[in-house]
């Protein structure tokens, strides 16, 4: 963690053309506080709602399937939201004219590409889940076919 902060600090100072101002430290501190007070409780609550919706009540989690479904929904949803956060002006068409002027390319393809990315992420996750579920069922059937071992009887 210290190395991460050192690298981030170096990049921040290297990127700056002017000396570090006291307001910059406040901005970084404010972002950390905003994350801890707003973002963390928000995505923790979303995770809890998703977990209870997908996997059922907490007392039944241990008796559920051996391959939990929650991560196969959570990971593509997170990556889709991250892509939306990074490119939302272009996805929503808010900056298409500037993008076309600067890049010389049409900016109206981002929504369909983002939707295609989301579909590919969820489809890939569904395929991986199906493979894992099939393997778990095959292992369970293999154990069920094996006769139960009885301990040797001593006379």
C-alpha atoms as a PDB file:
ATOM      1  CA  UNK A   1       0.000   0.000   0.000  1.00  0.00           C
ATOM      2  CA  UNK A   2       2.873   2.343   0.779  1.00  0.00           C
ATOM      3  CA  UNK A   3       4.368   1.581  -2.636  1.00  0.00           C
ATOM      4  CA  UNK A   4       1.027   2.388  -4.288  1.00  0.00           C
ATOM      5  CA  UNK A   5       0.861   5.733  -2.527  1.00  0.00           C
ATOM      6  CA  UNK A   6       4.490   6.456  -3.443  1.00  0.00           C
ATOM      7  CA  UNK A   7       3.850   5.709  -7.131  1.00  0.00           C
ATOM      8  CA  UNK A   8       0.628   7.745  -7.140  1.00  0.00           C
ATOM      9  CA  UNK A   9       2.381  10.646  -5.415  1.00  0.00           C
ATOM     10  CA  UNK A  10       5.251  10.542  -7.879  1.00  0.00           C
ATOM     11  CA  UNK A  11       2.849  10.515 -10.840  1.00  0.00           C
ATOM     12  CA  UNK A  12       0.845  13.377  -9.340  1.00  0.00           C
ATOM     13  CA  UNK A  13       3.922  15.519  -8.746  1.00  0.00           C
ATOM     14  CA  UNK A  14       5.440  14.647 -12.103  1.00  0.00           C
ATOM     15  CA  UNK A  15       2.218  15.575 -13.889  1.00  0.00           C
ATOM     16  CA  UNK A  16       2.022  18.941 -12.193  1.00  0.00           C
ATOM     17  CA  UNK A  17       3.600  21.880 -14.024  1.00  0.00           C
ATOM     18  CA  UNK A  18       3.312  24.162 -11.007  1.00  0.00           C
ATOM     19  CA  UNK A  19       4.343  23.507  -7.412  1.00  0.00           C
ATOM     20  CA  UNK A  20       1.882  21.595  -5.267  1.00  0.00           C
ATOM     21  CA  UNK A  21      -0.761  23.900  -3.798  1.00  0.00           C
ATOM     22  CA  UNK A  22      -2.500  23.300  -0.457  1.00  0.00           C
ATOM     23  CA  UNK A  23      -5.870  23.022  -2.250  1.00  0.00           C
ATOM     24  CA  UNK A  24      -4.654  19.983  -4.195  1.00  0.00           C
ATOM     25  CA  UNK A  25      -4.103  17.989  -1.021  1.00  0.00           C
ATOM     26  CA  UNK A  26      -7.601  18.976   0.095  1.00  0.00           C
ATOM     27  CA  UNK A  27      -9.015  17.715  -3.177  1.00  0.00           C
ATOM     28  CA  UNK A  28      -7.357  14.316  -2.734  1.00  0.00           C
ATOM     29  CA  UNK A  29      -8.447  14.159   0.906  1.00  0.00           C
ATOM     30  CA  UNK A  30     -11.992  15.149  -0.029  1.00  0.00           C
ATOM     31  CA  UNK A  31     -12.122  12.405  -2.648  1.00  0.00           C
ATOM     32  CA  UNK A  32     -11.024   9.840  -0.053  1.00  0.00           C
ATOM     33  CA  UNK A  33     -13.633  11.043   2.444  1.00  0.00           C
ATOM     34  CA  UNK A  34     -16.345  11.106  -0.233  1.00  0.00           C
ATOM     35  CA  UNK A  35     -15.467   7.533  -1.135  1.00  0.00           C
ATOM     36  CA  UNK A  36     -15.596   6.378   2.482  1.00  0.00           C
ATOM     37  CA  UNK A  37     -18.802   8.216   3.372  1.00  0.00           C
ATOM     38  CA  UNK A  38     -20.784   7.884   0.127  1.00  0.00           C
ATOM     39  CA  UNK A  39     -19.415   5.373  -2.357  1.00  0.00           C
ATOM     40  CA  UNK A  40     -18.425   2.568   0.027  1.00  0.00           C
ATOM     41  CA  UNK A  41     -21.806   2.362   1.810  1.00  0.00           C
ATOM     42  CA  UNK A  42     -23.570   2.624  -1.558  1.00  0.00           C
ATOM     43  CA  UNK A  43     -21.775  -0.248  -3.249  1.00  0.00           C
ATOM     44  CA  UNK A  44     -21.818  -2.304  -0.060  1.00  0.00           C
ATOM     45  CA  UNK A  45     -25.608  -1.962   0.068  1.00  0.00           C
ATOM     46  CA  UNK A  46     -25.878  -2.827  -3.630  1.00  0.00           C
ATOM     47  CA  UNK A  47     -23.722  -5.901  -3.032  1.00  0.00           C
ATOM     48  CA  UNK A  48     -25.904  -7.020  -0.123  1.00  0.00           C
ATOM     49  CA  UNK A  49     -29.095  -6.548  -2.148  1.00  0.00           C
ATOM     50  CA  UNK A  50     -27.611  -8.427  -5.107  1.00  0.00           C
ATOM     51  CA  UNK A  51     -26.355 -11.250  -2.881  1.00  0.00           C
ATOM     52  CA  UNK A  52     -29.710 -11.710  -1.166  1.00  0.00           C
ATOM     53  CA  UNK A  53     -31.608 -11.453  -4.463  1.00  0.00           C
ATOM     54  CA  UNK A  54     -29.427 -13.924  -6.334  1.00  0.00           C
ATOM     55  CA  UNK A  55     -28.374 -16.358  -3.617  1.00  0.00           C
ATOM     56  CA  UNK A  56     -31.383 -16.175  -1.305  1.00  0.00           C
ATOM     57  CA  UNK A  57     -31.599 -15.482   2.429  1.00  0.00           C
ATOM     58  CA  UNK A  58     -28.398 -15.544   4.456  1.00  0.00           C
ATOM     59  CA  UNK A  59     -29.346 -18.641   6.483  1.00  0.00           C
ATOM     60  CA  UNK A  60     -29.687 -20.679   3.272  1.00  0.00           C
ATOM     61  CA  UNK A  61     -26.307 -19.661   1.757  1.00  0.00           C
ATOM     62  CA  UNK A  62     -24.499 -22.728   3.088  1.00  0.00           C
ATOM     63  CA  UNK A  63     -27.062 -25.104   1.602  1.00  0.00           C
ATOM     64  CA  UNK A  64     -27.027 -23.465  -1.851  1.00  0.00           C
ATOM     65  CA  UNK A  65     -25.317 -24.752  -4.950  1.00  0.00           C
ATOM     66  CA  UNK A  66     -21.612 -25.404  -4.816  1.00  0.00           C
ATOM     67  CA  UNK A  67     -20.939 -22.820  -7.524  1.00  0.00           C
ATOM     68  CA  UNK A  68     -22.170 -19.419  -6.316  1.00  0.00           C
ATOM     69  CA  UNK A  69     -23.780 -17.271  -8.978  1.00  0.00           C
ATOM     70  CA  UNK A  70     -23.104 -13.892  -7.370  1.00  0.00           C
ATOM     71  CA  UNK A  71     -19.567 -13.372  -8.745  1.00  0.00           C
ATOM     72  CA  UNK A  72     -20.702 -14.308 -12.239  1.00  0.00           C
ATOM     73  CA  UNK A  73     -23.084 -11.349 -12.076  1.00  0.00           C
ATOM     74  CA  UNK A  74     -21.003  -8.984  -9.933  1.00  0.00           C
ATOM     75  CA  UNK A  75     -17.827  -8.956 -12.035  1.00  0.00           C
ATOM     76  CA  UNK A  76     -19.363  -8.200 -15.456  1.00  0.00           C
ATOM     77  CA  UNK A  77     -21.666  -5.622 -13.841  1.00  0.00           C
ATOM     78  CA  UNK A  78     -18.656  -3.916 -12.229  1.00  0.00           C
ATOM     79  CA  UNK A  79     -16.666  -3.895 -15.468  1.00  0.00           C
ATOM     80  CA  UNK A  80     -19.658  -2.562 -17.406  1.00  0.00           C
ATOM     81  CA  UNK A  81     -20.179   0.204 -14.844  1.00  0.00           C
ATOM     82  CA  UNK A  82     -16.474   1.048 -14.939  1.00  0.00           C
ATOM     83  CA  UNK A  83     -16.547   1.356 -18.742  1.00  0.00           C
ATOM     84  CA  UNK A  84     -19.665   3.535 -18.467  1.00  0.00           C
ATOM     85  CA  UNK A  85     -17.978   5.744 -15.868  1.00  0.00           C
ATOM     86  CA  UNK A  86     -14.889   6.177 -18.036  1.00  0.00           C
ATOM     87  CA  UNK A  87     -16.673   6.891 -21.315  1.00  0.00           C
ATOM     88  CA  UNK A  88     -20.109   8.217 -20.292  1.00  0.00           C
ATOM     89  CA  UNK A  89     -19.887  11.509 -22.222  1.00  0.00           C
ATOM     90  CA  UNK A  90     -19.265   9.618 -25.455  1.00  0.00           C
ATOM     91  CA  UNK A  91     -21.674   6.770 -24.654  1.00  0.00           C
ATOM     92  CA  UNK A  92     -24.480   9.222 -23.910  1.00  0.00           C
ATOM     93  CA  UNK A  93     -23.551  11.360 -26.924  1.00  0.00           C
ATOM     94  CA  UNK A  94     -22.750  14.428 -24.816  1.00  0.00           C
ATOM     95  CA  UNK A  95     -19.355  15.041 -26.416  1.00  0.00           C
ATOM     96  CA  UNK A  96     -19.782  13.493 -29.871  1.00  0.00           C
ATOM     97  CA  UNK A  97     -19.210  16.748 -31.772  1.00  0.00           C
ATOM     98  CA  UNK A  98     -15.953  17.535 -29.970  1.00  0.00           C
ATOM     99  CA  UNK A  99     -14.780  13.945 -30.363  1.00  0.00           C
ATOM    100  CA  UNK A 100     -15.486  14.028 -34.092  1.00  0.00           C
ATOM    101  CA  UNK A 101     -13.697  17.386 -34.423  1.00  0.00           C
ATOM    102  CA  UNK A 102     -10.651  16.220 -32.415  1.00  0.00           C
ATOM    103  CA  UNK A 103     -10.326  12.630 -33.613  1.00  0.00           C
ATOM    104  CA  UNK A 104     -11.872  12.858 -37.053  1.00  0.00           C
ATOM    105  CA  UNK A 105     -14.002   9.807 -36.232  1.00  0.00           C
ATOM    106  CA  UNK A 106     -17.706   9.528 -35.631  1.00  0.00           C
ATOM    107  CA  UNK A 107     -18.666   9.665 -31.961  1.00  0.00           C
ATOM    108  CA  UNK A 108     -22.069   8.025 -32.310  1.00  0.00           C
ATOM    109  CA  UNK A 109     -20.813   4.433 -32.166  1.00  0.00           C
ATOM    110  CA  UNK A 110     -19.938   4.363 -28.465  1.00  0.00           C
ATOM    111  CA  UNK A 111     -23.380   3.388 -27.164  1.00  0.00           C
ATOM    112  CA  UNK A 112     -23.603   0.317 -29.384  1.00  0.00           C
ATOM    113  CA  UNK A 113     -20.012  -0.635 -28.613  1.00  0.00           C
ATOM    114  CA  UNK A 114     -20.595  -0.281 -24.890  1.00  0.00           C
ATOM    115  CA  UNK A 115     -23.758  -2.396 -25.114  1.00  0.00           C
ATOM    116  CA  UNK A 116     -21.802  -4.973 -27.113  1.00  0.00           C
ATOM    117  CA  UNK A 117     -19.075  -4.963 -24.455  1.00  0.00           C
ATOM    118  CA  UNK A 118     -21.689  -5.493 -21.718  1.00  0.00           C
ATOM    119  CA  UNK A 119     -23.287  -8.341 -23.670  1.00  0.00           C
ATOM    120  CA  UNK A 120     -19.890  -9.980 -24.244  1.00  0.00           C
ATOM    121  CA  UNK A 121     -18.958  -9.678 -20.547  1.00  0.00           C
ATOM    122  CA  UNK A 122     -22.230 -11.194 -19.333  1.00  0.00           C
ATOM    123  CA  UNK A 123     -22.185 -13.898 -22.024  1.00  0.00           C
ATOM    124  CA  UNK A 124     -18.613 -14.853 -21.178  1.00  0.00           C
ATOM    125  CA  UNK A 125     -19.475 -14.962 -17.507  1.00  0.00           C
ATOM    126  CA  UNK A 126     -22.531 -17.141 -18.223  1.00  0.00           C
ATOM    127  CA  UNK A 127     -20.399 -19.584 -20.231  1.00  0.00           C
ATOM    128  CA  UNK A 128     -17.833 -19.808 -17.424  1.00  0.00           C
ATOM    129  CA  UNK A 129     -20.643 -20.332 -14.890  1.00  0.00           C
ATOM    130  CA  UNK A 130     -22.175 -23.107 -17.008  1.00  0.00           C
ATOM    131  CA  UNK A 131     -18.801 -24.863 -17.277  1.00  0.00           C
ATOM    132  CA  UNK A 132     -18.179 -24.594 -13.529  1.00  0.00           C
ATOM    133  CA  UNK A 133     -21.707 -25.798 -12.757  1.00  0.00           C
ATOM    134  CA  UNK A 134     -21.343 -28.771 -15.081  1.00  0.00           C
ATOM    135  CA  UNK A 135     -18.031 -29.762 -13.493  1.00  0.00           C
ATOM    136  CA  UNK A 136     -19.487 -29.466  -9.989  1.00  0.00           C
ATOM    137  CA  UNK A 137     -22.482 -31.635 -10.957  1.00  0.00           C
ATOM    138  CA  UNK A 138     -20.188 -34.230 -12.553  1.00  0.00           C
ATOM    139  CA  UNK A 139     -18.106 -34.404  -9.358  1.00  0.00           C
ATOM    140  CA  UNK A 140     -21.251 -34.721  -7.244  1.00  0.00           C
ATOM    141  CA  UNK A 141     -22.594 -37.546  -9.445  1.00  0.00           C
ATOM    142  CA  UNK A 142     -19.199 -39.273  -9.297  1.00  0.00           C
ATOM    143  CA  UNK A 143     -19.301 -39.248  -5.505  1.00  0.00           C
ATOM    144  CA  UNK A 144     -22.876 -40.521  -5.471  1.00  0.00           C
ATOM    145  CA  UNK A 145     -22.011 -43.516  -7.678  1.00  0.00           C
ATOM    146  CA  UNK A 146     -19.151 -44.638  -5.474  1.00  0.00           C
ATOM    147  CA  UNK A 147     -20.266 -47.173  -2.889  1.00  0.00           C
ATOM    148  CA  UNK A 148     -19.972 -46.017   0.662  1.00  0.00           C
ATOM    149  CA  UNK A 149     -16.919 -47.408   2.375  1.00  0.00           C
ATOM    150  CA  UNK A 150     -17.637 -49.404   5.454  1.00  0.00           C
ATOM    151  CA  UNK A 151     -14.967 -49.709   8.102  1.00  0.00           C
ATOM    152  CA  UNK A 152     -13.489 -53.187   8.461  1.00  0.00           C
ATOM    153  CA  UNK A 153     -15.096 -55.167  11.239  1.00  0.00           C
ATOM    154  CA  UNK A 154     -12.902 -56.553  13.948  1.00  0.00           C
ATOM    155  CA  UNK A 155     -13.699 -59.776  15.578  1.00  0.00           C
END
